[in-house]
C-alpha atoms as a PDB file:
ATOM      1  CA  MET A   1       0.783 -12.429  -3.463  1.00  0.00           C
ATOM      2  CA  ASN A   2      -2.205 -14.169  -4.964  1.00  0.00           C
ATOM      3  CA  ILE A   3      -4.491 -11.602  -6.901  1.00  0.00           C
ATOM      4  CA  GLY A   4      -7.583 -13.327  -5.300  1.00  0.00           C
ATOM      5  CA  ARG A   5      -6.571 -11.992  -1.957  1.00  0.00           C
ATOM      6  CA  LEU A   6      -7.082  -8.437  -3.203  1.00  0.00           C
ATOM      7  CA  ALA A   7     -10.638  -8.146  -1.692  1.00  0.00           C
ATOM      8  CA  HIS A   8     -10.786  -4.588  -0.530  1.00  0.00           C
ATOM      9  CA  ARG A   9     -11.262  -1.303  -2.463  1.00  0.00           C
ATOM     10  CA  VAL A  10      -9.050   1.515  -1.181  1.00  0.00           C
ATOM     11  CA  THR A  11      -8.393   5.064  -2.433  1.00  0.00           C
ATOM     12  CA  LEU A  12      -4.899   6.404  -2.654  1.00  0.00           C
ATOM     13  CA  GLN A  13      -4.746  10.048  -1.842  1.00  0.00           C
ATOM     14  CA  ARG A  14      -1.939  12.708  -2.454  1.00  0.00           C
ATOM     15  CA  PRO A  15      -1.719  15.725  -0.389  1.00  0.00           C
ATOM     16  CA  GLY A  16      -1.900  19.178  -1.880  1.00  0.00           C
ATOM     17  CA  GLY A  17      -2.448  22.672  -0.372  1.00  0.00           C
ATOM     18  CA  SER A  18      -2.738  26.208  -0.433  1.00  0.00           C
ATOM     19  CA  ARG A  19      -2.797  29.147   1.909  1.00  0.00           C
ATOM     20  CA  ASP A  20      -5.914  30.466   3.598  1.00  0.00           C
ATOM     21  CA  ALA A  21      -6.652  34.170   4.115  1.00  0.00           C
ATOM     22  CA  VAL A  22      -4.204  34.535   7.031  1.00  0.00           C
ATOM     23  CA  GLY A  23      -1.433  32.597   5.315  1.00  0.00           C
ATOM     24  CA  GLU A  24      -1.818  29.368   7.163  1.00  0.00           C
ATOM     25  CA  ARG A  25      -1.308  26.194   5.032  1.00  0.00           C
ATOM     26  CA  VAL A  26      -4.520  24.223   4.271  1.00  0.00           C
ATOM     27  CA  THR A  27      -3.957  20.519   3.221  1.00  0.00           C
ATOM     28  CA  THR A  28      -6.288  19.177   0.636  1.00  0.00           C
ATOM     29  CA  TRP A  29      -6.404  15.588  -0.626  1.00  0.00           C
ATOM     30  CA  THR A  30      -6.590  14.516  -4.179  1.00  0.00           C
ATOM     31  CA  ASP A  31      -7.812  11.058  -5.024  1.00  0.00           C
ATOM     32  CA  VAL A  32      -5.051   9.400  -7.327  1.00  0.00           C
ATOM     33  CA  ALA A  33      -6.604   5.981  -7.827  1.00  0.00           C
ATOM     34  CA  THR A  34      -9.105   3.603  -6.345  1.00  0.00           C
ATOM     35  CA  VAL A  35      -7.583   0.051  -6.399  1.00  0.00           C
ATOM     36  CA  TRP A  36      -8.142  -3.425  -5.202  1.00  0.00           C
ATOM     37  CA  ALA A  37      -5.976  -4.265  -2.127  1.00  0.00           C
ATOM     38  CA  ASN A  38      -5.274  -6.742   0.691  1.00  0.00           C
ATOM     39  CA  VAL A  39      -5.868  -4.899   3.851  1.00  0.00           C
ATOM     40  CA  THR A  40      -4.416  -6.814   6.931  1.00  0.00           C
ATOM     41  CA  PRO A  41      -4.466  -5.537  10.554  1.00  0.00           C
ATOM     42  CA  THR A  42      -1.144  -6.109  12.257  1.00  0.00           C
ATOM     43  CA  SER A  43      -0.925  -8.697  14.996  1.00  0.00           C
ATOM     44  CA  THR A  44      -0.594  -7.911  18.572  1.00  0.00           C
ATOM     45  CA  GLY A  45       3.010  -9.000  18.612  1.00  0.00           C
ATOM     46  CA  GLU A  46       3.776  -6.623  15.651  1.00  0.00           C
ATOM     47  CA  ARG A  47       1.969  -3.864  17.495  1.00  0.00           C
ATOM     48  CA  ASN A  48       3.853  -4.433  20.620  1.00  0.00           C
ATOM     49  CA  ILE A  49       7.239  -4.362  18.801  1.00  0.00           C
ATOM     50  CA  ALA A  50       6.091  -1.132  16.905  1.00  0.00           C
ATOM     51  CA  ALA A  51       5.096   0.560  20.248  1.00  0.00           C
ATOM     52  CA  GLN A  52       8.594  -0.140  21.502  1.00  0.00           C
ATOM     53  CA  ALA A  53       9.984   1.746  18.618  1.00  0.00           C
ATOM     54  CA  HIS A  54       7.447   4.605  19.282  1.00  0.00           C
ATOM     55  CA  SER A  55       5.545   3.659  16.040  1.00  0.00           C
ATOM     56  CA  PHE A  56       1.904   2.768  15.919  1.00  0.00           C
ATOM     57  CA  ILE A  57       1.527   0.624  12.924  1.00  0.00           C
ATOM     58  CA  THR A  58      -1.934  -0.858  12.703  1.00  0.00           C
ATOM     59  CA  HIS A  59      -2.359  -2.138   8.952  1.00  0.00           C
ATOM     60  CA  ARG A  60      -0.383  -3.563   6.054  1.00  0.00           C
ATOM     61  CA  ILE A  61      -1.929  -2.850   2.683  1.00  0.00           C
ATOM     62  CA  THR A  62      -0.808  -4.584  -0.360  1.00  0.00           C
ATOM     63  CA  ILE A  63      -1.560  -3.334  -3.883  1.00  0.00           C
ATOM     64  CA  ARG A  64      -0.524  -3.963  -7.341  1.00  0.00           C
ATOM     65  CA  TYR A  65       2.133  -1.646  -8.822  1.00  0.00           C
ATOM     66  CA  GLY A  66       0.808   1.139 -10.922  1.00  0.00           C
ATOM     67  CA  SER A  67       2.615   3.986 -12.810  1.00  0.00           C
ATOM     68  CA  GLU A  68       0.063   6.473 -11.567  1.00  0.00           C
ATOM     69  CA  TRP A  69       1.206   5.938  -7.959  1.00  0.00           C
ATOM     70  CA  SER A  70       4.851   5.048  -8.524  1.00  0.00           C
ATOM     71  CA  THR A  71       5.784   8.163  -6.550  1.00  0.00           C
ATOM     72  CA  ILE A  72       3.808   7.150  -3.466  1.00  0.00           C
ATOM     73  CA  ASP A  73       5.534   7.873  -0.187  1.00  0.00           C
ATOM     74  CA  GLY A  74       4.904   8.731   3.413  1.00  0.00           C
ATOM     75  CA  SER A  75       3.076  12.012   2.684  1.00  0.00           C
ATOM     76  CA  TRP A  76       0.187  10.040   1.055  1.00  0.00           C
ATOM     77  CA  ARG A  77      -2.746   8.442   2.762  1.00  0.00           C
ATOM     78  CA  VAL A  78      -5.161   5.523   2.182  1.00  0.00           C
ATOM     79  CA  LYS A  79      -8.894   5.883   2.373  1.00  0.00           C
ATOM     80  CA  PHE A  80     -10.501   2.613   3.438  1.00  0.00           C
ATOM     81  CA  GLY A  81     -14.300   2.893   3.706  1.00  0.00           C
ATOM     82  CA  THR A  82     -14.771   5.821   6.016  1.00  0.00           C
ATOM     83  CA  ARG A  83     -11.269   5.541   7.656  1.00  0.00           C
ATOM     84  CA  TYR A  84      -8.116   7.350   6.637  1.00  0.00           C
ATOM     85  CA  MET A  85      -4.846   5.756   7.199  1.00  0.00           C
ATOM     86  CA  PRO A  86      -1.580   7.803   6.878  1.00  0.00           C
ATOM     87  CA  ILE A  87       1.173   5.959   5.175  1.00  0.00           C
ATOM     88  CA  GLU A  88       4.208   5.258   7.400  1.00  0.00           C
ATOM     89  CA  GLY A  89       6.291   3.246   4.913  1.00  0.00           C
ATOM     90  CA  VAL A  90       6.333   1.915   1.378  1.00  0.00           C
ATOM     91  CA  ARG A  91       7.942  -1.306   0.410  1.00  0.00           C
ATOM     92  CA  ASN A  92       8.350  -3.008  -3.056  1.00  0.00           C
ATOM     93  CA  LEU A  93       7.457  -6.553  -1.936  1.00  0.00           C
ATOM     94  CA  ASP A  94       9.125  -8.612  -4.613  1.00  0.00           C
ATOM     95  CA  GLU A  95      11.644  -6.005  -5.917  1.00  0.00           C
ATOM     96  CA  GLY A  96      10.090  -6.631  -9.288  1.00  0.00           C
ATOM     97  CA  GLY A  97       7.769  -3.757  -9.396  1.00  0.00           C
ATOM     98  CA  ARG A  98       4.633  -5.866  -9.165  1.00  0.00           C
ATOM     99  CA  TRP A  99       3.459  -5.458  -5.558  1.00  0.00           C
ATOM    100  CA  ILE A 100       3.735  -2.562  -3.025  1.00  0.00           C
ATOM    101  CA  GLU A 101       3.134  -2.854   0.614  1.00  0.00           C
ATOM    102  CA  LEU A 102       1.955   0.199   2.389  1.00  0.00           C
ATOM    103  CA  VAL A 103       2.474   0.142   6.254  1.00  0.00           C
ATOM    104  CA  CYS A 104      -0.206   2.510   7.689  1.00  0.00           C
ATOM    105  CA  THR A 105      -1.569   3.748  11.004  1.00  0.00           C
ATOM    106  CA  GLU A 106      -5.340   4.128  11.552  1.00  0.00           C
ATOM    107  CA  GLY A 107      -6.797   7.282  12.867  1.00  0.00           C
ATOM    108  CA  GLY A 108      -5.618   9.982  10.523  1.00  0.00           C
ATOM    109  CA  ALA A 109      -7.185  13.191   9.707  1.00  0.00           C
ATOM    110  CA  THR A 110     -10.724  12.905   8.335  1.00  0.00           C
ATOM    111  CA  GLU A 111     -11.775  14.706   5.185  1.00  0.00           C
END
């Protein structure tokens, strides 16, 4: 990955929560870091393949590895502008701990 391709700012958010007055869980989101990223919409072919597997992957987001978000997983989400994208998968791109690819769906819960 060429660092010059990281042209977008995204915020990585971790879920937290508490219970409301009637005991229902209320999810809150904590900003972990705002980082430079390469945000790429998936192609029509990729979307068709994902739909066959009952998955709705819409974006691939590549970021540099960081110790602050080394525990990132599918419970987290990405805020991209005014959009929220739940993370469906996390992949160490080069197996060297330099680049992380987040496979996301658009249309997650808003703040």
